[in-house]
C-alpha atoms as a PDB file:
ATOM      1  CA  MET A   1      -2.837 -21.292  21.674  1.00  0.00           C
ATOM      2  CA  GLY A   2       0.401 -21.228  23.630  1.00  0.00           C
ATOM      3  CA  LEU A   3       2.796 -18.300  23.859  1.00  0.00           C
ATOM      4  CA  PHE A   4       5.310 -20.010  21.548  1.00  0.00           C
ATOM      5  CA  SER A   5       2.619 -20.518  18.892  1.00  0.00           C
ATOM      6  CA  VAL A   6       1.640 -16.853  19.110  1.00  0.00           C
ATOM      7  CA  MET A   7       5.307 -15.816  18.789  1.00  0.00           C
ATOM      8  CA  VAL A   8       5.824 -18.025  15.739  1.00  0.00           C
ATOM      9  CA  VAL A   9       2.684 -16.711  14.012  1.00  0.00           C
ATOM     10  CA  CYS A  10       3.387 -13.069  14.888  1.00  0.00           C
ATOM     11  CA  CYS A  11       7.095 -13.175  14.107  1.00  0.00           C
ATOM     12  CA  ALA A  12       7.042 -15.300  10.959  1.00  0.00           C
ATOM     13  CA  PRO A  13       8.310 -13.373   7.928  1.00  0.00           C
ATOM     14  CA  ARG A  14       6.130 -13.088   4.876  1.00  0.00           C
ATOM     15  CA  VAL A  15       6.905 -15.132   1.759  1.00  0.00           C
ATOM     16  CA  GLU A  16       6.532 -13.307  -1.559  1.00  0.00           C
ATOM     17  CA  SER A  17       4.600 -14.665  -4.504  1.00  0.00           C
ATOM     18  CA  VAL A  18       6.261 -14.939  -7.912  1.00  0.00           C
ATOM     19  CA  VAL A  19       4.392 -11.802  -8.998  1.00  0.00           C
ATOM     20  CA  GLU A  20       5.599  -9.868  -5.925  1.00  0.00           C
ATOM     21  CA  ARG A  21       9.180 -10.981  -6.546  1.00  0.00           C
ATOM     22  CA  GLY A  22       8.891  -9.713 -10.100  1.00  0.00           C
ATOM     23  CA  GLU A  23       7.623  -6.356  -8.829  1.00  0.00           C
ATOM     24  CA  ARG A  24      10.472  -6.155  -6.312  1.00  0.00           C
ATOM     25  CA  ALA A  25      13.001  -6.923  -9.083  1.00  0.00           C
ATOM     26  CA  ARG A  26      11.472  -4.242 -11.344  1.00  0.00           C
ATOM     27  CA  GLY A  27      11.709  -1.739  -8.495  1.00  0.00           C
ATOM     28  CA  LEU A  28      15.395  -2.537  -7.941  1.00  0.00           C
ATOM     29  CA  LYS A  29      16.062  -2.350 -11.684  1.00  0.00           C
ATOM     30  CA  ASN A  30      14.473   1.112 -11.745  1.00  0.00           C
ATOM     31  CA  GLU A  31      16.660   2.227  -8.813  1.00  0.00           C
ATOM     32  CA  ILE A  32      19.761   0.952 -10.619  1.00  0.00           C
ATOM     33  CA  VAL A  33      18.849   2.767 -13.849  1.00  0.00           C
ATOM     34  CA  ARG A  34      18.065   5.953 -11.885  1.00  0.00           C
ATOM     35  CA  MET A  35      21.433   5.803 -10.107  1.00  0.00           C
ATOM     36  CA  ALA A  36      23.424   4.682 -13.175  1.00  0.00           C
ATOM     37  CA  PRO A  37      21.661   5.602 -16.434  1.00  0.00           C
ATOM     38  CA  ALA A  38      24.560   4.224 -18.512  1.00  0.00           C
ATOM     39  CA  VAL A  39      23.895   0.667 -17.300  1.00  0.00           C
ATOM     40  CA  PRO A  40      22.059  -1.175 -20.090  1.00  0.00           C
ATOM     41  CA  SER A  41      18.475  -1.938 -19.090  1.00  0.00           C
ATOM     42  CA  GLY A  42      18.932  -5.665 -19.725  1.00  0.00           C
ATOM     43  CA  GLU A  43      21.970  -5.835 -17.419  1.00  0.00           C
ATOM     44  CA  ALA A  44      20.145  -3.916 -14.676  1.00  0.00           C
ATOM     45  CA  ASP A  45      17.142  -6.213 -15.058  1.00  0.00           C
ATOM     46  CA  ARG A  46      19.250  -9.391 -14.947  1.00  0.00           C
ATOM     47  CA  PHE A  47      21.116  -8.216 -11.840  1.00  0.00           C
ATOM     48  CA  ALA A  48      17.923  -7.119 -10.052  1.00  0.00           C
ATOM     49  CA  ARG A  49      16.094 -10.390 -10.757  1.00  0.00           C
ATOM     50  CA  ARG A  50      19.080 -12.396  -9.584  1.00  0.00           C
ATOM     51  CA  ALA A  51      19.413 -10.320  -6.383  1.00  0.00           C
ATOM     52  CA  VAL A  52      15.766 -10.859  -5.445  1.00  0.00           C
ATOM     53  CA  GLU A  53      15.967 -14.591  -6.188  1.00  0.00           C
ATOM     54  CA  VAL A  54      19.225 -15.075  -4.284  1.00  0.00           C
ATOM     55  CA  ALA A  55      17.737 -13.418  -1.194  1.00  0.00           C
ATOM     56  CA  ALA A  56      14.657 -15.645  -1.365  1.00  0.00           C
ATOM     57  CA  ARG A  57      16.755 -18.764  -1.891  1.00  0.00           C
ATOM     58  CA  GLN A  58      18.994 -17.930   1.080  1.00  0.00           C
ATOM     59  CA  ARG A  59      15.906 -17.652   3.260  1.00  0.00           C
ATOM     60  CA  ASP A  60      14.841 -21.167   2.243  1.00  0.00           C
ATOM     61  CA  GLU A  61      18.358 -22.605   2.514  1.00  0.00           C
ATOM     62  CA  TRP A  62      18.875 -21.216   6.025  1.00  0.00           C
ATOM     63  CA  GLY A  63      15.346 -22.094   7.168  1.00  0.00           C
ATOM     64  CA  MET A  64      14.469 -18.548   8.203  1.00  0.00           C
ATOM     65  CA  GLU A  65      10.935 -19.059   9.458  1.00  0.00           C
ATOM     66  CA  LEU A  66      11.021 -16.438  12.225  1.00  0.00           C
ATOM     67  CA  SER A  67      11.950 -12.785  12.427  1.00  0.00           C
ATOM     68  CA  PRO A  68      15.619 -12.068  11.681  1.00  0.00           C
ATOM     69  CA  TRP A  69      16.380 -11.334  15.351  1.00  0.00           C
ATOM     70  CA  LEU A  70      14.847 -14.604  16.539  1.00  0.00           C
ATOM     71  CA  HIS A  71      16.634 -16.444  13.750  1.00  0.00           C
ATOM     72  CA  ASN A  72      19.950 -14.922  14.899  1.00  0.00           C
ATOM     73  CA  GLY A  73      19.304 -16.314  18.372  1.00  0.00           C
ATOM     74  CA  MET A  74      18.692 -19.765  16.915  1.00  0.00           C
ATOM     75  CA  VAL A  75      21.945 -19.563  14.919  1.00  0.00           C
ATOM     76  CA  ASN A  76      23.832 -18.417  18.009  1.00  0.00           C
ATOM     77  CA  ILE A  77      22.681 -21.448  20.028  1.00  0.00           C
ATOM     78  CA  GLY A  78      23.271 -23.880  17.163  1.00  0.00           C
ATOM     79  CA  LEU A  79      19.676 -24.602  16.092  1.00  0.00           C
ATOM     80  CA  LYS A  80      20.108 -23.035  12.630  1.00  0.00           C
ATOM     81  CA  PRO A  81      23.180 -23.252  10.369  1.00  0.00           C
ATOM     82  CA  SER A  82      23.519 -19.614   9.245  1.00  0.00           C
ATOM     83  CA  GLY A  83      21.605 -16.469   8.510  1.00  0.00           C
ATOM     84  CA  ARG A  84      23.025 -13.616  10.570  1.00  0.00           C
ATOM     85  CA  CYS A  85      23.176 -10.258   8.768  1.00  0.00           C
ATOM     86  CA  TYR A  86      26.871 -10.447   7.884  1.00  0.00           C
ATOM     87  CA  GLU A  87      26.321 -13.943   6.447  1.00  0.00           C
ATOM     88  CA  TRP A  88      23.449 -12.586   4.337  1.00  0.00           C
ATOM     89  CA  ALA A  89      25.643  -9.764   3.038  1.00  0.00           C
ATOM     90  CA  GLU A  90      28.505 -12.111   2.170  1.00  0.00           C
ATOM     91  CA  ALA A  91      26.199 -14.682   0.520  1.00  0.00           C
ATOM     92  CA  LEU A  92      24.478 -12.009  -1.565  1.00  0.00           C
ATOM     93  CA  TYR A  93      27.815 -10.538  -2.578  1.00  0.00           C
ATOM     94  CA  ASP A  94      29.374 -13.855  -3.521  1.00  0.00           C
ATOM     95  CA  GLN A  95      26.360 -14.978  -5.545  1.00  0.00           C
ATOM     96  CA  LEU A  96      25.827 -11.642  -7.312  1.00  0.00           C
ATOM     97  CA  GLU A  97      29.356 -10.656  -8.283  1.00  0.00           C
ATOM     98  CA  GLU A  98      29.318 -12.536 -11.606  1.00  0.00           C
ATOM     99  CA  ASP A  99      26.080 -10.771 -12.617  1.00  0.00           C
ATOM    100  CA  LEU A 100      27.375  -7.314 -11.654  1.00  0.00           C
ATOM    101  CA  PRO A 101      27.181  -4.862 -14.562  1.00  0.00           C
ATOM    102  CA  THR A 102      30.704  -3.733 -15.512  1.00  0.00           C
ATOM    103  CA  SER A 103      30.166  -0.081 -14.531  1.00  0.00           C
ATOM    104  CA  LEU A 104      28.982  -0.970 -11.028  1.00  0.00           C
ATOM    105  CA  ARG A 105      30.724  -2.052  -7.845  1.00  0.00           C
ATOM    106  CA  MET A 106      29.537  -3.680  -4.636  1.00  0.00           C
ATOM    107  CA  THR A 107      30.959  -2.644  -1.280  1.00  0.00           C
ATOM    108  CA  MET A 108      30.308  -4.283   2.082  1.00  0.00           C
ATOM    109  CA  VAL A 109      29.025  -1.750   4.616  1.00  0.00           C
ATOM    110  CA  GLN A 110      28.309  -1.804   8.332  1.00  0.00           C
ATOM    111  CA  SER A 111      26.366   0.290  10.839  1.00  0.00           C
ATOM    112  CA  ASP A 112      26.466   0.518  14.623  1.00  0.00           C
ATOM    113  CA  ARG A 113      29.736  -1.374  14.880  1.00  0.00           C
ATOM    114  CA  GLY A 114      30.146  -3.154  18.226  1.00  0.00           C
ATOM    115  CA  LYS A 115      26.599  -2.372  19.379  1.00  0.00           C
ATOM    116  CA  LEU A 116      23.533  -4.561  19.775  1.00  0.00           C
ATOM    117  CA  ARG A 117      22.108  -3.023  16.563  1.00  0.00           C
ATOM    118  CA  GLU A 118      25.281  -3.780  14.543  1.00  0.00           C
ATOM    119  CA  HIS A 119      24.255  -4.552  10.997  1.00  0.00           C
ATOM    120  CA  HIS A 120      25.907  -5.458   7.673  1.00  0.00           C
ATOM    121  CA  ALA A 121      24.685  -5.001   4.108  1.00  0.00           C
ATOM    122  CA  ILE A 122      25.935  -4.160   0.592  1.00  0.00           C
ATOM    123  CA  SER A 123      26.233  -0.842  -1.221  1.00  0.00           C
ATOM    124  CA  LEU A 124      25.698  -1.132  -4.973  1.00  0.00           C
ATOM    125  CA  HIS A 125      27.241   1.926  -6.629  1.00  0.00           C
ATOM    126  CA  GLN A 126      28.853   3.193  -9.798  1.00  0.00           C
ATOM    127  CA  GLN A 127      32.572   2.498 -10.187  1.00  0.00           C
ATOM    128  CA  ARG A 128      33.340   6.223 -10.171  1.00  0.00           C
ATOM    129  CA  ASP A 129      31.163   7.048  -7.135  1.00  0.00           C
ATOM    130  CA  ARG A 130      31.659   6.565  -3.441  1.00  0.00           C
ATOM    131  CA  TRP A 131      29.826   3.684  -1.796  1.00  0.00           C
ATOM    132  CA  SER A 132      27.778   6.224   0.188  1.00  0.00           C
ATOM    133  CA  GLU A 133      26.094   7.323  -3.059  1.00  0.00           C
ATOM    134  CA  GLY A 134      24.835   3.815  -3.806  1.00  0.00           C
ATOM    135  CA  ILE A 135      21.827   1.616  -3.248  1.00  0.00           C
ATOM    136  CA  LEU A 136      21.699  -0.410  -0.050  1.00  0.00           C
ATOM    137  CA  LEU A 137      20.995  -4.136  -0.584  1.00  0.00           C
ATOM    138  CA  ASP A 138      19.865  -6.016   2.529  1.00  0.00           C
ATOM    139  CA  GLY A 139      18.492  -9.561   2.476  1.00  0.00           C
ATOM    140  CA  TRP A 140      18.418  -9.990   6.269  1.00  0.00           C
ATOM    141  CA  LYS A 141      16.213  -7.098   7.424  1.00  0.00           C
ATOM    142  CA  LYS A 142      13.003  -8.626   6.065  1.00  0.00           C
ATOM    143  CA  ALA A 143      14.081 -12.274   6.166  1.00  0.00           C
ATOM    144  CA  GLY A 144      14.688 -12.900   2.480  1.00  0.00           C
ATOM    145  CA  LEU A 145      12.578 -10.084   1.020  1.00  0.00           C
ATOM    146  CA  LEU A 146      15.384  -8.025  -0.485  1.00  0.00           C
ATOM    147  CA  VAL A 147      15.373  -4.478   0.874  1.00  0.00           C
ATOM    148  CA  TYR A 148      16.859  -1.865  -1.447  1.00  0.00           C
ATOM    149  CA  LEU A 149      16.964   1.895  -1.094  1.00  0.00           C
ATOM    150  CA  PRO A 150      19.401   4.746  -1.626  1.00  0.00           C
ATOM    151  CA  ILE A 151      21.846   4.666   1.294  1.00  0.00           C
ATOM    152  CA  GLY A 152      21.042   8.308   2.065  1.00  0.00           C
ATOM    153  CA  GLU A 153      17.419   7.308   2.751  1.00  0.00           C
ATOM    154  CA  SER A 154      18.355   4.593   5.259  1.00  0.00           C
ATOM    155  CA  ASP A 155      17.524   5.091   8.928  1.00  0.00           C
ATOM    156  CA  ARG A 156      21.093   4.051   9.797  1.00  0.00           C
ATOM    157  CA  GLU A 157      24.537   5.617   9.565  1.00  0.00           C
ATOM    158  CA  TRP A 158      26.612   3.309   7.344  1.00  0.00           C
ATOM    159  CA  GLU A 159      30.381   2.994   7.101  1.00  0.00           C
ATOM    160  CA  PHE A 160      32.784   1.155   4.861  1.00  0.00           C
ATOM    161  CA  GLU A 161      33.989  -2.013   6.569  1.00  0.00           C
ATOM    162  CA  ALA A 162      37.741  -2.156   6.009  1.00  0.00           C
ATOM    163  CA  GLU A 163      38.838  -3.932   9.180  1.00  0.00           C
ATOM    164  CA  ASN A 164      37.102  -7.271   8.674  1.00  0.00           C
ATOM    165  CA  PRO A 165      38.639  -9.205   5.746  1.00  0.00           C
ATOM    166  CA  GLY A 166      35.283 -10.867   5.087  1.00  0.00           C
ATOM    167  CA  LEU A 167      33.573  -7.490   4.778  1.00  0.00           C
ATOM    168  CA  ARG A 168      35.635  -5.442   2.403  1.00  0.00           C
ATOM    169  CA  GLU A 169      35.273  -3.651  -0.880  1.00  0.00           C
ATOM    170  CA  ARG A 170      35.638  -6.185  -3.657  1.00  0.00           C
ATOM    171  CA  ASN A 171      35.324  -6.019  -7.390  1.00  0.00           C
ATOM    172  CA  PRO A 172      35.413  -9.188  -9.492  1.00  0.00           C
ATOM    173  CA  ARG A 173      36.942  -7.380 -12.445  1.00  0.00           C
ATOM    174  CA  GLN A 174      39.790  -5.650 -10.583  1.00  0.00           C
ATOM    175  CA  ALA A 175      42.121  -6.228  -7.678  1.00  0.00           C
ATOM    176  CA  VAL A 176      40.726  -5.389  -4.255  1.00  0.00           C
ATOM    177  CA  ALA A 177      40.085  -1.655  -4.297  1.00  0.00           C
ATOM    178  CA  LYS A 178      41.063   0.614  -1.444  1.00  0.00           C
ATOM    179  CA  SER A 179      38.397   2.822   0.053  1.00  0.00           C
ATOM    180  CA  THR A 180      38.535   6.506  -0.719  1.00  0.00           C
ATOM    181  CA  GLY A 181      36.101   7.133   2.091  1.00  0.00           C
ATOM    182  CA  GLY A 182      32.463   7.550   1.837  1.00  0.00           C
END
């Protein structure tokens, strides 16, 4: 077996079964309800299922068969159409905003700006709370297996991305909101 074959086998992301996707969606729903108990269970469930499915569909659409870092390299040299972390965050945001429960908001966040480890994701948080009190949604980190966890439990320092017009706080039910910090 050649080195390339070993790299492909070792670096290929795992594909979830339908049952595993359902478990991932239930876990996200539980995180949403824990963070925002006023969100109706059905709305939290609908949003969580959609988020998990959108992440999986993006993986298929962008042909992400390798690790996210290797996929980024392929995008950068023109062998793949899209799939860098900021593209994942924007695609998730755009496809989830119509399913967003009314008491929640999504905010684009970034870590390690300008560094090799620069990364983009979404904070899902209550309207009245700061983005830093939300749940991190990241479809890139595990190549289409939606990662979700309280931002405070992340191994990264996140910041609100106000400079980049593509990565800003948006709310489909209101005008663009200004950051109050995080």
